[in-house]
Amino acid sequence: MSGFDVRSLAVLCLCGLVLPGAAPALAGALERTEPGHQAPPQPGGNLPIAPPIVQYALPSQWMTIRSKEDWRKAGTFEKELSKDCAALRFGEIEPMRFRAYYNGEVLGVAFGHGLNLRDPGKKADRRKIYLFRNGDSTNCTVQSMDNKDPRVNPAGNQAATPAAGGFKKY
């Protein structure tokens, strides 16, 4: 016999002695679970339809407009921007980051000067506030209203400009 045959025979014998003793040791380790651990579902059994509900922290959100009137009367309907919104060419960067509440309906808000507004075609008017209903779908509608903030739209309210003494000190 050559040295190669003796070595391979020794390896086979060693494996034959070690493996039968390792199988029961491994089987015991696989059957034991930690306290509170759920057993995996049996094959062919009824699996849950959805994963369990886990609560995650929501991003901070601000209510910017609150009104008791109907949302359709809030501003003017923008047909072209609504088409762009449905085609994902105009919309909110982070949906519902800013909110408008109109008589039970919650709308997303973006500002024409760029806050929370995704507008690659540069179609927004910086003096407007844009309201998005169903902003994350192809049924998106966009309405615009004038921004009354004198820092953005000085023509919006002349009496509230600092030169007219419109700001009060507290």
Protein backbone atom coordinates (compact mmCIF):
# COMPACT_ATOMS: atom_id res chain seq x y z
CA MET A 1 0.00 0.00 0.00
CA SER A 2 1.20 3.45 -0.76
CA GLY A 3 1.25 6.34 1.73
CA PHE A 4 -1.64 8.02 -0.01
CA ASP A 5 -3.94 5.03 0.50
CA VAL A 6 -3.06 4.78 4.20
CA ARG A 7 -3.75 8.47 4.78
CA SER A 8 -7.10 8.38 3.01
CA LEU A 9 -8.08 5.25 4.95
CA ALA A 10 -7.13 6.96 8.23
CA VAL A 11 -9.19 10.06 7.33
CA LEU A 12 -12.21 7.94 6.46
CA CYS A 13 -11.96 6.02 9.72
CA LEU A 14 -11.60 9.23 11.72
CA CYS A 15 -14.63 10.77 9.99
CA GLY A 16 -16.63 7.61 10.61
CA LEU A 17 -15.86 7.84 14.34
CA VAL A 18 -16.50 11.58 14.73
CA LEU A 19 -19.65 12.10 12.62
CA PRO A 20 -22.00 9.65 14.38
CA GLY A 21 -21.24 11.37 17.69
CA ALA A 22 -21.78 14.88 16.22
CA ALA A 23 -25.26 14.21 14.83
CA PRO A 24 -27.07 13.87 18.20
CA ALA A 25 -25.19 16.87 19.59
CA LEU A 26 -26.29 19.04 16.65
CA ALA A 27 -29.89 17.77 16.79
CA GLY A 28 -30.26 18.83 20.41
CA ALA A 29 -28.94 22.33 19.68
CA LEU A 30 -31.40 22.83 16.80
CA GLU A 31 -34.45 21.71 18.77
CA ARG A 32 -33.90 24.05 21.69
CA THR A 33 -35.12 27.66 21.42
CA GLU A 34 -34.81 30.69 23.61
CA PRO A 35 -37.67 31.58 25.97
CA GLY A 36 -40.31 33.63 24.15
CA HIS A 37 -39.09 32.52 20.71
CA GLN A 38 -41.79 31.58 18.23
CA ALA A 39 -41.50 28.30 16.43
CA PRO A 40 -41.41 28.56 12.63
CA PRO A 41 -44.74 27.83 10.89
CA GLN A 42 -45.31 24.28 9.75
CA PRO A 43 -45.06 23.65 6.01
CA GLY A 44 -48.47 23.76 4.36
CA GLY A 45 -50.00 25.58 7.32
CA ASN A 46 -51.83 28.86 7.17
CA LEU A 47 -49.32 31.68 7.03
CA PRO A 48 -50.27 35.20 8.15
CA ILE A 49 -51.42 37.53 5.36
CA ALA A 50 -49.36 40.50 6.51
CA PRO A 51 -46.40 40.98 8.85
CA PRO A 52 -47.19 42.21 12.35
CA ILE A 53 -47.79 45.93 12.74
CA VAL A 54 -44.71 47.74 14.00
CA GLN A 55 -44.86 51.37 15.01
CA TYR A 56 -42.18 53.63 13.56
CA ALA A 57 -41.60 57.25 14.35
CA LEU A 58 -43.12 59.56 11.74
CA PRO A 59 -41.17 62.53 10.39
CA SER A 60 -42.09 65.85 11.87
CA GLN A 61 -45.13 67.42 10.23
CA TRP A 62 -46.52 70.94 10.39
CA MET A 63 -50.11 72.06 10.01
CA THR A 64 -49.71 75.22 7.95
CA ILE A 65 -53.33 75.97 7.01
CA ARG A 66 -56.51 75.17 8.92
CA SER A 67 -59.90 76.15 7.58
CA LYS A 68 -63.55 75.09 7.84
CA GLU A 69 -64.31 75.82 4.20
CA ASP A 70 -64.29 73.26 1.40
CA TRP A 71 -60.88 72.51 -0.14
CA ARG A 72 -62.21 73.25 -3.64
CA LYS A 73 -62.65 76.90 -2.63
CA ALA A 74 -59.14 77.22 -1.22
CA GLY A 75 -57.49 78.41 -4.40
CA THR A 76 -57.49 78.09 -8.15
CA PHE A 77 -57.28 74.72 -9.85
CA GLU A 78 -54.07 74.31 -11.88
CA LYS A 79 -54.84 71.94 -14.75
CA GLU A 80 -51.34 71.81 -16.31
CA LEU A 81 -49.62 71.41 -12.95
CA SER A 82 -52.09 68.64 -12.04
CA LYS A 83 -51.10 66.79 -15.22
CA ASP A 84 -47.43 67.26 -14.34
CA CYS A 85 -48.10 66.05 -10.80
CA ALA A 86 -49.77 62.90 -12.14
CA ALA A 87 -46.72 62.35 -14.38
CA LEU A 88 -44.36 62.90 -11.39
CA ARG A 89 -42.89 66.06 -12.90
CA PHE A 90 -44.26 68.38 -10.21
CA GLY A 91 -44.95 67.57 -6.60
CA GLU A 92 -43.94 67.50 -2.99
CA ILE A 93 -40.45 66.40 -2.03
CA GLU A 94 -41.72 64.83 1.18
CA PRO A 95 -45.46 64.14 1.03
CA MET A 96 -47.53 65.59 3.87
CA ARG A 97 -44.54 67.27 5.51
CA PHE A 98 -46.59 70.46 5.49
CA ARG A 99 -50.36 70.01 5.74
CA ALA A 100 -53.49 71.96 5.05
CA TYR A 101 -56.73 70.95 6.76
CA TYR A 102 -59.95 71.89 4.97
CA ASN A 103 -63.21 70.65 6.53
CA GLY A 104 -62.04 67.08 7.11
CA GLU A 105 -59.77 66.84 4.06
CA VAL A 106 -56.00 66.86 4.56
CA LEU A 107 -53.91 68.21 1.68
CA GLY A 108 -50.17 68.33 1.18
CA VAL A 109 -48.53 71.76 0.95
CA ALA A 110 -45.49 72.99 -0.97
CA PHE A 111 -44.30 76.53 -1.42
CA GLY A 112 -43.52 78.12 -4.76
CA HIS A 113 -40.18 79.46 -3.59
CA GLY A 114 -38.97 75.86 -3.31
CA LEU A 115 -39.74 74.64 0.21
CA ASN A 116 -40.88 71.01 -0.13
CA LEU A 117 -41.42 71.46 -3.87
CA ARG A 118 -40.00 69.21 -6.59
CA ASP A 119 -40.19 71.24 -9.81
CA PRO A 120 -37.56 70.24 -12.38
CA GLY A 121 -39.41 72.15 -15.14
CA LYS A 122 -39.38 75.43 -13.14
CA LYS A 123 -43.12 75.94 -13.63
CA ALA A 124 -43.87 77.18 -10.12
CA ASP A 125 -44.58 80.80 -9.26
CA ARG A 126 -42.55 81.72 -6.19
CA ARG A 127 -45.39 83.90 -4.83
CA LYS A 128 -47.81 80.93 -4.62
CA ILE A 129 -48.59 78.14 -2.20
CA TYR A 130 -49.46 74.82 -3.84
CA LEU A 131 -51.96 72.39 -2.33
CA PHE A 132 -51.76 68.73 -3.38
CA ARG A 133 -54.68 66.35 -3.09
CA ASN A 134 -53.72 62.70 -3.75
CA GLY A 135 -50.22 63.98 -4.46
CA ASP A 136 -48.67 60.51 -4.62
CA SER A 137 -51.00 59.11 -7.28
CA THR A 138 -52.02 59.62 -10.89
CA ASN A 139 -55.22 61.22 -9.57
CA CYS A 140 -53.21 64.17 -8.25
CA THR A 141 -54.86 67.59 -8.22
CA VAL A 142 -52.97 70.83 -7.64
CA GLN A 143 -54.47 74.08 -6.43
CA SER A 144 -52.60 77.32 -5.97
CA MET A 145 -53.23 80.23 -3.67
CA ASP A 146 -51.39 83.49 -3.06
CA ASN A 147 -48.80 83.53 -0.32
CA LYS A 148 -49.71 86.38 2.03
CA ASP A 149 -46.27 86.46 3.66
CA PRO A 150 -44.76 89.91 2.93
CA ARG A 151 -41.25 88.46 2.90
CA VAL A 152 -42.17 86.42 -0.17
CA ASN A 153 -44.93 88.48 -1.74
CA PRO A 154 -44.68 92.18 -0.87
CA ALA A 155 -47.79 92.92 -2.95
CA GLY A 156 -49.81 90.47 -0.85
CA ASN A 157 -50.29 92.77 2.14
CA GLN A 158 -48.71 96.22 2.00
CA ALA A 159 -49.86 97.16 5.51
CA ALA A 160 -47.87 94.32 7.05
CA THR A 161 -44.50 95.38 5.66
CA PRO A 162 -41.90 96.67 8.12
CA ALA A 163 -41.82 100.08 6.37
CA ALA A 164 -45.54 100.55 7.05
CA GLY A 165 -45.09 99.59 10.70
CA GLY A 166 -47.01 96.37 10.29
CA PHE A 167 -44.79 94.19 12.51
CA LYS A 168 -45.39 94.41 16.25
CA LYS A 169 -42.73 93.96 18.88
CA TYR A 170 -43.64 91.63 21.70
